[in-house]
């Protein structure tokens, strides 16, 4: 075991915005005693619309912040960053778990032949989901991927607003209808952490379509790692969540409550990386 870490060291979670709250929520539900530090780069959302070099630089900026916090494990909730993880992971000394690999691991256990993936445009164009799903699967699959340029932003800014959710539903129809009704996918990977925050809406629009949320898989893989490394925090201790954002502090505090994070001990501003 790395002597820098112990059971009371925090777990880091990072994302381009509030989407990673779905991962933090899964960890709180599975490991309620853990202390979490969340970083959401709200100033630069959506990551999927940035060029790769900028994504890598912004990711390394967040990685360095969490390395300073001496996290014992880092959950890379952002699927877009997960696609360039090989260019970022050296910025932290702890193990990293990423959403794309978790999603591929989850699909590999399913008895399906045709898989759909919705994600940001960058994640779609990278082909990282089809590549990893096909590499993990024990049998031949058809993997259909769709890049959604606006969906993450719409979820980020309209969650909890009935009027705004109409725009989310319209965008979902535009992006998913063809895969569900024409291609007849048998499950859909939510390839951006913002999407599980509106999974109830997706289930309403497409009843019976199984949804794959990498957040659940990531939480399970984290528990397995902490258990075998003797880094699980004492189950009798209270958990903690401290949120840092380059975006709007009040909005992040509101969204944290809306998605059911509990506890949320603090929400603080952190200056964004300059893109000049």
C-alpha atoms as a PDB file:
ATOM      1  CA  UNK A   1       0.000   0.000   0.000  1.00  0.00           C
ATOM      2  CA  UNK A   2       1.267   3.478  -0.834  1.00  0.00           C
ATOM      3  CA  UNK A   3       2.155   5.064   2.546  1.00  0.00           C
ATOM      4  CA  UNK A   4       0.693   8.417   1.431  1.00  0.00           C
ATOM      5  CA  UNK A   5      -2.802   6.913   1.559  1.00  0.00           C
ATOM      6  CA  UNK A   6      -4.738   5.461   4.438  1.00  0.00           C
ATOM      7  CA  UNK A   7      -8.366   4.516   5.024  1.00  0.00           C
ATOM      8  CA  UNK A   8      -9.243   8.093   5.997  1.00  0.00           C
ATOM      9  CA  UNK A   9      -7.812   9.589   2.807  1.00  0.00           C
ATOM     10  CA  UNK A  10     -10.537  10.994   0.543  1.00  0.00           C
ATOM     11  CA  UNK A  11     -11.803   9.635  -2.761  1.00  0.00           C
ATOM     12  CA  UNK A  12     -11.722  12.060  -5.687  1.00  0.00           C
ATOM     13  CA  UNK A  13     -14.461  12.415  -8.309  1.00  0.00           C
ATOM     14  CA  UNK A  14     -14.081  14.745 -11.291  1.00  0.00           C
ATOM     15  CA  UNK A  15     -16.279  15.765 -14.179  1.00  0.00           C
ATOM     16  CA  UNK A  16     -16.742  18.551 -16.685  1.00  0.00           C
ATOM     17  CA  UNK A  17     -19.819  19.714 -14.760  1.00  0.00           C
ATOM     18  CA  UNK A  18     -22.549  18.363 -12.507  1.00  0.00           C
ATOM     19  CA  UNK A  19     -22.837  15.079 -14.401  1.00  0.00           C
ATOM     20  CA  UNK A  20     -20.374  13.361 -12.083  1.00  0.00           C
ATOM     21  CA  UNK A  21     -22.879  13.867  -9.276  1.00  0.00           C
ATOM     22  CA  UNK A  22     -24.362  10.601 -10.571  1.00  0.00           C
ATOM     23  CA  UNK A  23     -21.050   8.889  -9.727  1.00  0.00           C
ATOM     24  CA  UNK A  24     -20.743  10.611  -6.348  1.00  0.00           C
ATOM     25  CA  UNK A  25     -24.321   9.531  -5.552  1.00  0.00           C
ATOM     26  CA  UNK A  26     -23.542   5.911  -6.439  1.00  0.00           C
ATOM     27  CA  UNK A  27     -20.471   5.974  -4.173  1.00  0.00           C
ATOM     28  CA  UNK A  28     -22.417   7.528  -1.299  1.00  0.00           C
ATOM     29  CA  UNK A  29     -25.059   4.827  -1.604  1.00  0.00           C
ATOM     30  CA  UNK A  30     -22.557   1.970  -1.716  1.00  0.00           C
ATOM     31  CA  UNK A  31     -19.851   3.375   0.583  1.00  0.00           C
ATOM     32  CA  UNK A  32     -21.565   5.890   2.885  1.00  0.00           C
ATOM     33  CA  UNK A  33     -18.568   6.261   5.215  1.00  0.00           C
ATOM     34  CA  UNK A  34     -16.169   7.501   2.544  1.00  0.00           C
ATOM     35  CA  UNK A  35     -15.027  11.105   2.311  1.00  0.00           C
ATOM     36  CA  UNK A  36     -15.446  12.462  -1.221  1.00  0.00           C
ATOM     37  CA  UNK A  37     -13.896  15.463  -2.932  1.00  0.00           C
ATOM     38  CA  UNK A  38     -15.713  16.457  -6.107  1.00  0.00           C
ATOM     39  CA  UNK A  39     -14.355  18.744  -8.815  1.00  0.00           C
ATOM     40  CA  UNK A  40     -16.707  20.001 -11.531  1.00  0.00           C
ATOM     41  CA  UNK A  41     -15.249  22.229 -14.247  1.00  0.00           C
ATOM     42  CA  UNK A  42     -18.450  24.128 -14.907  1.00  0.00           C
ATOM     43  CA  UNK A  43     -16.626  27.037 -16.569  1.00  0.00           C
ATOM     44  CA  UNK A  44     -15.697  24.879 -19.550  1.00  0.00           C
ATOM     45  CA  UNK A  45     -18.686  22.589 -20.069  1.00  0.00           C
ATOM     46  CA  UNK A  46     -19.280  20.732 -22.346  1.00  0.00           C
ATOM     47  CA  UNK A  47     -15.865  19.125 -22.665  1.00  0.00           C
ATOM     48  CA  UNK A  48     -16.976  17.192 -25.711  1.00  0.00           C
ATOM     49  CA  UNK A  49     -17.035  20.367 -27.786  1.00  0.00           C
ATOM     50  CA  UNK A  50     -13.363  21.223 -27.073  1.00  0.00           C
ATOM     51  CA  UNK A  51     -10.329  20.002 -29.093  1.00  0.00           C
ATOM     52  CA  UNK A  52      -8.374  17.094 -27.631  1.00  0.00           C
ATOM     53  CA  UNK A  53      -5.337  19.076 -26.478  1.00  0.00           C
ATOM     54  CA  UNK A  54      -7.555  21.466 -24.508  1.00  0.00           C
ATOM     55  CA  UNK A  55      -9.428  18.542 -22.942  1.00  0.00           C
ATOM     56  CA  UNK A  56      -6.150  16.966 -21.843  1.00  0.00           C
ATOM     57  CA  UNK A  57      -4.881  20.247 -20.395  1.00  0.00           C
ATOM     58  CA  UNK A  58      -8.111  20.906 -18.470  1.00  0.00           C
ATOM     59  CA  UNK A  59      -8.168  17.338 -17.199  1.00  0.00           C
ATOM     60  CA  UNK A  60      -4.588  17.550 -15.965  1.00  0.00           C
ATOM     61  CA  UNK A  61      -5.486  20.799 -14.186  1.00  0.00           C
ATOM     62  CA  UNK A  62      -8.196  18.959 -12.230  1.00  0.00           C
ATOM     63  CA  UNK A  63      -6.023  15.905 -11.674  1.00  0.00           C
ATOM     64  CA  UNK A  64      -3.318  18.107 -10.145  1.00  0.00           C
ATOM     65  CA  UNK A  65      -5.831  19.711  -7.779  1.00  0.00           C
ATOM     66  CA  UNK A  66      -7.005  16.315  -6.542  1.00  0.00           C
ATOM     67  CA  UNK A  67      -3.420  15.062  -6.243  1.00  0.00           C
ATOM     68  CA  UNK A  68      -2.801  17.941  -3.836  1.00  0.00           C
ATOM     69  CA  UNK A  69      -5.773  16.678  -1.803  1.00  0.00           C
ATOM     70  CA  UNK A  70      -3.984  13.272  -1.549  1.00  0.00           C
ATOM     71  CA  UNK A  71      -6.951  11.260  -2.775  1.00  0.00           C
ATOM     72  CA  UNK A  72      -6.561   7.482  -2.406  1.00  0.00           C
ATOM     73  CA  UNK A  73      -8.505   6.780  -5.607  1.00  0.00           C
ATOM     74  CA  UNK A  74      -9.783   8.942  -8.446  1.00  0.00           C
ATOM     75  CA  UNK A  75     -13.040   8.345 -10.298  1.00  0.00           C
ATOM     76  CA  UNK A  76     -12.941  10.000 -13.714  1.00  0.00           C
ATOM     77  CA  UNK A  77     -16.662  10.441 -14.186  1.00  0.00           C
ATOM     78  CA  UNK A  78     -16.310  12.441 -17.403  1.00  0.00           C
ATOM     79  CA  UNK A  79     -16.571  10.114 -20.397  1.00  0.00           C
ATOM     80  CA  UNK A  80     -14.790  12.630 -22.622  1.00  0.00           C
ATOM     81  CA  UNK A  81     -11.765  12.710 -20.297  1.00  0.00           C
ATOM     82  CA  UNK A  82     -11.954   8.916 -20.074  1.00  0.00           C
ATOM     83  CA  UNK A  83     -11.224   8.792 -23.808  1.00  0.00           C
ATOM     84  CA  UNK A  84      -7.876  10.550 -23.246  1.00  0.00           C
ATOM     85  CA  UNK A  85      -7.090   9.003 -19.863  1.00  0.00           C
ATOM     86  CA  UNK A  86      -3.734   7.674 -21.073  1.00  0.00           C
ATOM     87  CA  UNK A  87      -2.563  11.277 -21.459  1.00  0.00           C
ATOM     88  CA  UNK A  88      -3.712  12.331 -17.978  1.00  0.00           C
ATOM     89  CA  UNK A  89      -3.312   9.504 -15.475  1.00  0.00           C
ATOM     90  CA  UNK A  90       0.349  10.258 -14.753  1.00  0.00           C
ATOM     91  CA  UNK A  91      -0.762  13.477 -13.040  1.00  0.00           C
ATOM     92  CA  UNK A  92      -1.919  11.519  -9.983  1.00  0.00           C
ATOM     93  CA  UNK A  93      -0.196   8.857  -7.903  1.00  0.00           C
ATOM     94  CA  UNK A  94      -3.378   6.998  -6.949  1.00  0.00           C
ATOM     95  CA  UNK A  95      -5.324   4.426  -9.008  1.00  0.00           C
ATOM     96  CA  UNK A  96      -7.842   5.878 -11.461  1.00  0.00           C
ATOM     97  CA  UNK A  97     -11.178   4.437 -12.569  1.00  0.00           C
ATOM     98  CA  UNK A  98     -12.834   5.822 -15.681  1.00  0.00           C
ATOM     99  CA  UNK A  99     -16.381   5.837 -16.964  1.00  0.00           C
ATOM    100  CA  UNK A 100     -15.732   4.385 -20.421  1.00  0.00           C
ATOM    101  CA  UNK A 101     -13.944   1.309 -19.108  1.00  0.00           C
ATOM    102  CA  UNK A 102     -16.652   0.858 -16.470  1.00  0.00           C
ATOM    103  CA  UNK A 103     -19.359   1.060 -19.116  1.00  0.00           C
ATOM    104  CA  UNK A 104     -17.573  -1.500 -21.292  1.00  0.00           C
ATOM    105  CA  UNK A 105     -17.172  -3.807 -18.292  1.00  0.00           C
ATOM    106  CA  UNK A 106     -20.900  -3.576 -17.560  1.00  0.00           C
ATOM    107  CA  UNK A 107     -21.902  -4.359 -21.155  1.00  0.00           C
ATOM    108  CA  UNK A 108     -19.589  -7.393 -21.280  1.00  0.00           C
ATOM    109  CA  UNK A 109     -21.825  -9.171 -18.768  1.00  0.00           C
ATOM    110  CA  UNK A 110     -25.036  -8.708 -20.774  1.00  0.00           C
ATOM    111  CA  UNK A 111     -26.620 -11.193 -23.158  1.00  0.00           C
ATOM    112  CA  UNK A 112     -27.242  -8.755 -26.009  1.00  0.00           C
ATOM    113  CA  UNK A 113     -26.269  -8.496 -29.656  1.00  0.00           C
ATOM    114  CA  UNK A 114     -26.910  -4.827 -30.462  1.00  0.00           C
ATOM    115  CA  UNK A 115     -25.779  -2.044 -28.131  1.00  0.00           C
ATOM    116  CA  UNK A 116     -26.443   1.688 -28.394  1.00  0.00           C
ATOM    117  CA  UNK A 117     -24.239   4.399 -26.913  1.00  0.00           C
ATOM    118  CA  UNK A 118     -25.153   8.066 -26.501  1.00  0.00           C
ATOM    119  CA  UNK A 119     -22.330  10.431 -25.587  1.00  0.00           C
ATOM    120  CA  UNK A 120     -20.722  13.783 -26.303  1.00  0.00           C
ATOM    121  CA  UNK A 121     -19.511  14.427 -29.835  1.00  0.00           C
ATOM    122  CA  UNK A 122     -15.869  14.020 -28.818  1.00  0.00           C
ATOM    123  CA  UNK A 123     -16.506  10.660 -27.135  1.00  0.00           C
ATOM    124  CA  UNK A 124     -18.461   9.506 -30.196  1.00  0.00           C
ATOM    125  CA  UNK A 125     -15.783  10.608 -32.650  1.00  0.00           C
ATOM    126  CA  UNK A 126     -13.028   8.942 -30.615  1.00  0.00           C
ATOM    127  CA  UNK A 127     -14.795   5.552 -31.030  1.00  0.00           C
ATOM    128  CA  UNK A 128     -13.507   4.649 -27.567  1.00  0.00           C
ATOM    129  CA  UNK A 129     -16.817   3.096 -26.450  1.00  0.00           C
ATOM    130  CA  UNK A 130     -17.231   0.744 -29.438  1.00  0.00           C
ATOM    131  CA  UNK A 131     -13.562  -0.218 -29.265  1.00  0.00           C
ATOM    132  CA  UNK A 132     -13.586  -1.016 -25.557  1.00  0.00           C
ATOM    133  CA  UNK A 133     -16.978  -2.734 -25.619  1.00  0.00           C
ATOM    134  CA  UNK A 134     -15.912  -4.973 -28.496  1.00  0.00           C
ATOM    135  CA  UNK A 135     -12.573  -5.698 -26.795  1.00  0.00           C
ATOM    136  CA  UNK A 136     -14.330  -6.695 -23.560  1.00  0.00           C
ATOM    137  CA  UNK A 137     -17.241  -8.658 -24.990  1.00  0.00           C
ATOM    138  CA  UNK A 138     -16.978 -12.450 -25.095  1.00  0.00           C
ATOM    139  CA  UNK A 139     -19.063 -12.527 -28.292  1.00  0.00           C
ATOM    140  CA  UNK A 140     -19.488 -10.481 -31.426  1.00  0.00           C
ATOM    141  CA  UNK A 141     -21.642  -7.395 -30.961  1.00  0.00           C
ATOM    142  CA  UNK A 142     -22.958  -4.542 -33.036  1.00  0.00           C
ATOM    143  CA  UNK A 143     -22.232  -1.247 -31.247  1.00  0.00           C
ATOM    144  CA  UNK A 144     -24.004   1.877 -32.512  1.00  0.00           C
ATOM    145  CA  UNK A 145     -22.783   5.243 -31.237  1.00  0.00           C
ATOM    146  CA  UNK A 146     -24.459   8.638 -31.366  1.00  0.00           C
ATOM    147  CA  UNK A 147     -22.801  11.948 -30.464  1.00  0.00           C
ATOM    148  CA  UNK A 148     -25.130  14.460 -28.830  1.00  0.00           C
ATOM    149  CA  UNK A 149     -23.772  18.029 -29.123  1.00  0.00           C
ATOM    150  CA  UNK A 150     -26.357  19.704 -26.869  1.00  0.00           C
ATOM    151  CA  UNK A 151     -27.691  17.121 -24.418  1.00  0.00           C
ATOM    152  CA  UNK A 152     -25.107  17.539 -21.622  1.00  0.00           C
ATOM    153  CA  UNK A 153     -25.515  21.315 -21.651  1.00  0.00           C
ATOM    154  CA  UNK A 154     -29.316  21.025 -21.627  1.00  0.00           C
ATOM    155  CA  UNK A 155     -29.209  18.670 -18.626  1.00  0.00           C
ATOM    156  CA  UNK A 156     -26.664  20.856 -16.821  1.00  0.00           C
ATOM    157  CA  UNK A 157     -28.831  23.961 -17.015  1.00  0.00           C
ATOM    158  CA  UNK A 158     -32.390  22.578 -16.988  1.00  0.00           C
ATOM    159  CA  UNK A 159     -32.359  19.816 -14.380  1.00  0.00           C
ATOM    160  CA  UNK A 160     -35.368  20.216 -12.128  1.00  0.00           C
ATOM    161  CA  UNK A 161     -37.031  22.828 -14.378  1.00  0.00           C
ATOM    162  CA  UNK A 162     -40.197  21.392 -16.005  1.00  0.00           C
ATOM    163  CA  UNK A 163     -40.051  23.956 -18.793  1.00  0.00           C
ATOM    164  CA  UNK A 164     -36.400  23.240 -19.512  1.00  0.00           C
ATOM    165  CA  UNK A 165     -36.934  19.490 -19.409  1.00  0.00           C
ATOM    166  CA  UNK A 166     -39.129  19.805 -22.496  1.00  0.00           C
ATOM    167  CA  UNK A 167     -35.977  20.804 -24.382  1.00  0.00           C
ATOM    168  CA  UNK A 168     -34.154  17.783 -22.926  1.00  0.00           C
ATOM    169  CA  UNK A 169     -36.938  15.465 -24.124  1.00  0.00           C
ATOM    170  CA  UNK A 170     -36.916  16.995 -27.600  1.00  0.00           C
ATOM    171  CA  UNK A 171     -33.168  16.497 -27.848  1.00  0.00           C
ATOM    172  CA  UNK A 172     -33.440  12.896 -26.660  1.00  0.00           C
ATOM    173  CA  UNK A 173     -36.008  12.171 -29.366  1.00  0.00           C
ATOM    174  CA  UNK A 174     -33.722  13.675 -31.974  1.00  0.00           C
ATOM    175  CA  UNK A 175     -30.705  11.622 -30.864  1.00  0.00           C
ATOM    176  CA  UNK A 176     -32.223   8.313 -29.732  1.00  0.00           C
ATOM    177  CA  UNK A 177     -35.335   7.639 -31.818  1.00  0.00           C
ATOM    178  CA  UNK A 178     -33.440   6.238 -34.786  1.00  0.00           C
ATOM    179  CA  UNK A 179     -31.404   3.817 -32.667  1.00  0.00           C
ATOM    180  CA  UNK A 180     -34.455   2.577 -30.748  1.00  0.00           C
ATOM    181  CA  UNK A 181     -37.042   2.385 -33.527  1.00  0.00           C
ATOM    182  CA  UNK A 182     -34.950   1.838 -36.662  1.00  0.00           C
ATOM    183  CA  UNK A 183     -31.864   0.002 -35.403  1.00  0.00           C
ATOM    184  CA  UNK A 184     -33.633  -1.818 -32.528  1.00  0.00           C
ATOM    185  CA  UNK A 185     -30.847  -1.573 -29.954  1.00  0.00           C
ATOM    186  CA  UNK A 186     -31.271  -3.933 -26.983  1.00  0.00           C
ATOM    187  CA  UNK A 187     -29.688  -1.631 -24.400  1.00  0.00           C
ATOM    188  CA  UNK A 188     -28.268   1.886 -24.251  1.00  0.00           C
ATOM    189  CA  UNK A 189     -25.054   2.976 -22.551  1.00  0.00           C
ATOM    190  CA  UNK A 190     -25.367   6.423 -21.014  1.00  0.00           C
ATOM    191  CA  UNK A 191     -21.962   7.551 -22.222  1.00  0.00           C
ATOM    192  CA  UNK A 192     -21.950  10.913 -20.459  1.00  0.00           C
ATOM    193  CA  UNK A 193     -22.420  11.287 -16.709  1.00  0.00           C
ATOM    194  CA  UNK A 194     -25.030  13.991 -17.230  1.00  0.00           C
ATOM    195  CA  UNK A 195     -27.401  11.502 -18.846  1.00  0.00           C
ATOM    196  CA  UNK A 196     -28.110   9.299 -15.776  1.00  0.00           C
ATOM    197  CA  UNK A 197     -29.394  12.444 -14.055  1.00  0.00           C
ATOM    198  CA  UNK A 198     -32.353  12.285 -16.485  1.00  0.00           C
ATOM    199  CA  UNK A 199     -32.603   8.488 -16.680  1.00  0.00           C
ATOM    200  CA  UNK A 200     -36.208   8.657 -15.463  1.00  0.00           C
ATOM    201  CA  UNK A 201     -37.006  10.835 -18.485  1.00  0.00           C
ATOM    202  CA  UNK A 202     -35.258   8.410 -20.851  1.00  0.00           C
ATOM    203  CA  UNK A 203     -37.140   5.479 -19.300  1.00  0.00           C
ATOM    204  CA  UNK A 204     -40.419   7.350 -19.775  1.00  0.00           C
ATOM    205  CA  UNK A 205     -39.683   8.050 -23.444  1.00  0.00           C
ATOM    206  CA  UNK A 206     -38.391   4.526 -24.178  1.00  0.00           C
ATOM    207  CA  UNK A 207     -40.089   2.113 -21.757  1.00  0.00           C
ATOM    208  CA  UNK A 208     -38.439  -1.293 -21.634  1.00  0.00           C
ATOM    209  CA  UNK A 209     -35.073  -0.096 -22.960  1.00  0.00           C
ATOM    210  CA  UNK A 210     -32.364  -1.218 -20.503  1.00  0.00           C
ATOM    211  CA  UNK A 211     -30.019   1.646 -19.586  1.00  0.00           C
ATOM    212  CA  UNK A 212     -26.373   1.067 -18.662  1.00  0.00           C
ATOM    213  CA  UNK A 213     -25.105   3.592 -16.111  1.00  0.00           C
ATOM    214  CA  UNK A 214     -21.298   3.377 -15.727  1.00  0.00           C
ATOM    215  CA  UNK A 215     -21.613   5.137 -12.357  1.00  0.00           C
ATOM    216  CA  UNK A 216     -22.897   1.965 -10.676  1.00  0.00           C
ATOM    217  CA  UNK A 217     -20.042  -0.084 -12.122  1.00  0.00           C
ATOM    218  CA  UNK A 218     -17.476   2.512 -11.029  1.00  0.00           C
ATOM    219  CA  UNK A 219     -18.747   2.476  -7.444  1.00  0.00           C
ATOM    220  CA  UNK A 220     -18.539  -1.324  -7.357  1.00  0.00           C
ATOM    221  CA  UNK A 221     -15.002  -1.320  -8.781  1.00  0.00           C
ATOM    222  CA  UNK A 222     -13.991   1.315  -6.218  1.00  0.00           C
ATOM    223  CA  UNK A 223     -15.333  -0.822  -3.371  1.00  0.00           C
ATOM    224  CA  UNK A 224     -13.445  -3.863  -4.647  1.00  0.00           C
ATOM    225  CA  UNK A 225     -10.191  -1.893  -4.855  1.00  0.00           C
ATOM    226  CA  UNK A 226     -10.547  -0.312  -1.405  1.00  0.00           C
ATOM    227  CA  UNK A 227     -11.418  -3.681   0.108  1.00  0.00           C
ATOM    228  CA  UNK A 228      -8.452  -5.585  -1.291  1.00  0.00           C
ATOM    229  CA  UNK A 229      -6.087  -2.676  -0.507  1.00  0.00           C
ATOM    230  CA  UNK A 230      -7.330  -2.365   3.085  1.00  0.00           C
ATOM    231  CA  UNK A 231      -8.340   1.252   2.419  1.00  0.00           C
ATOM    232  CA  UNK A 232     -12.039   1.078   3.268  1.00  0.00           C
ATOM    233  CA  UNK A 233     -12.996   3.712   5.822  1.00  0.00           C
ATOM    234  CA  UNK A 234     -14.550   2.499   9.064  1.00  0.00           C
ATOM    235  CA  UNK A 235     -18.218   1.887   8.305  1.00  0.00           C
ATOM    236  CA  UNK A 236     -19.241   3.465  11.611  1.00  0.00           C
ATOM    237  CA  UNK A 237     -17.842   6.875  10.684  1.00  0.00           C
ATOM    238  CA  UNK A 238     -19.890   9.598   8.980  1.00  0.00           C
ATOM    239  CA  UNK A 239     -19.241  10.248   5.305  1.00  0.00           C
ATOM    240  CA  UNK A 240     -18.373  13.629   3.841  1.00  0.00           C
ATOM    241  CA  UNK A 241     -18.648  15.391   0.476  1.00  0.00           C
ATOM    242  CA  UNK A 242     -16.826  18.610  -0.389  1.00  0.00           C
ATOM    243  CA  UNK A 243     -17.606  20.058  -3.818  1.00  0.00           C
ATOM    244  CA  UNK A 244     -15.306  22.375  -5.759  1.00  0.00           C
ATOM    245  CA  UNK A 245     -16.354  24.029  -8.988  1.00  0.00           C
ATOM    246  CA  UNK A 246     -15.072  26.525 -11.523  1.00  0.00           C
ATOM    247  CA  UNK A 247     -18.720  27.297 -12.222  1.00  0.00           C
ATOM    248  CA  UNK A 248     -21.597  28.759 -10.210  1.00  0.00           C
ATOM    249  CA  UNK A 249     -21.417  27.729  -6.542  1.00  0.00           C
ATOM    250  CA  UNK A 250     -25.119  28.317  -5.860  1.00  0.00           C
ATOM    251  CA  UNK A 251     -26.123  26.258  -8.908  1.00  0.00           C
ATOM    252  CA  UNK A 252     -23.893  23.361  -7.849  1.00  0.00           C
ATOM    253  CA  UNK A 253     -25.345  23.426  -4.323  1.00  0.00           C
ATOM    254  CA  UNK A 254     -28.864  23.355  -5.772  1.00  0.00           C
ATOM    255  CA  UNK A 255     -28.070  20.532  -8.215  1.00  0.00           C
ATOM    256  CA  UNK A 256     -26.425  18.485  -5.461  1.00  0.00           C
ATOM    257  CA  UNK A 257     -29.649  18.631  -3.458  1.00  0.00           C
ATOM    258  CA  UNK A 258     -31.779  17.878  -6.521  1.00  0.00           C
ATOM    259  CA  UNK A 259     -29.921  14.659  -7.357  1.00  0.00           C
ATOM    260  CA  UNK A 260     -30.051  13.446  -3.745  1.00  0.00           C
ATOM    261  CA  UNK A 261     -26.444  13.809  -2.585  1.00  0.00           C
ATOM    262  CA  UNK A 262     -26.306  13.535   1.191  1.00  0.00           C
ATOM    263  CA  UNK A 263     -24.315  14.795   2.952  1.00  0.00           C
ATOM    264  CA  UNK A 264     -23.000  17.823   1.090  1.00  0.00           C
ATOM    265  CA  UNK A 265     -20.662  19.475   3.570  1.00  0.00           C
ATOM    266  CA  UNK A 266     -19.369  22.347   1.447  1.00  0.00           C
ATOM    267  CA  UNK A 267     -19.519  23.832  -2.045  1.00  0.00           C
ATOM    268  CA  UNK A 268     -16.597  26.102  -2.951  1.00  0.00           C
ATOM    269  CA  UNK A 269     -15.356  28.054  -5.941  1.00  0.00           C
ATOM    270  CA  UNK A 270     -12.017  27.187  -7.538  1.00  0.00           C
ATOM    271  CA  UNK A 271     -10.587  29.313 -10.362  1.00  0.00           C
ATOM    272  CA  UNK A 272     -10.714  27.720 -13.823  1.00  0.00           C
ATOM    273  CA  UNK A 273      -7.743  27.074 -16.027  1.00  0.00           C
ATOM    274  CA  UNK A 274      -7.262  29.793 -18.616  1.00  0.00           C
ATOM    275  CA  UNK A 275      -7.830  28.592 -22.165  1.00  0.00           C
ATOM    276  CA  UNK A 276      -5.864  31.462 -23.753  1.00  0.00           C
END
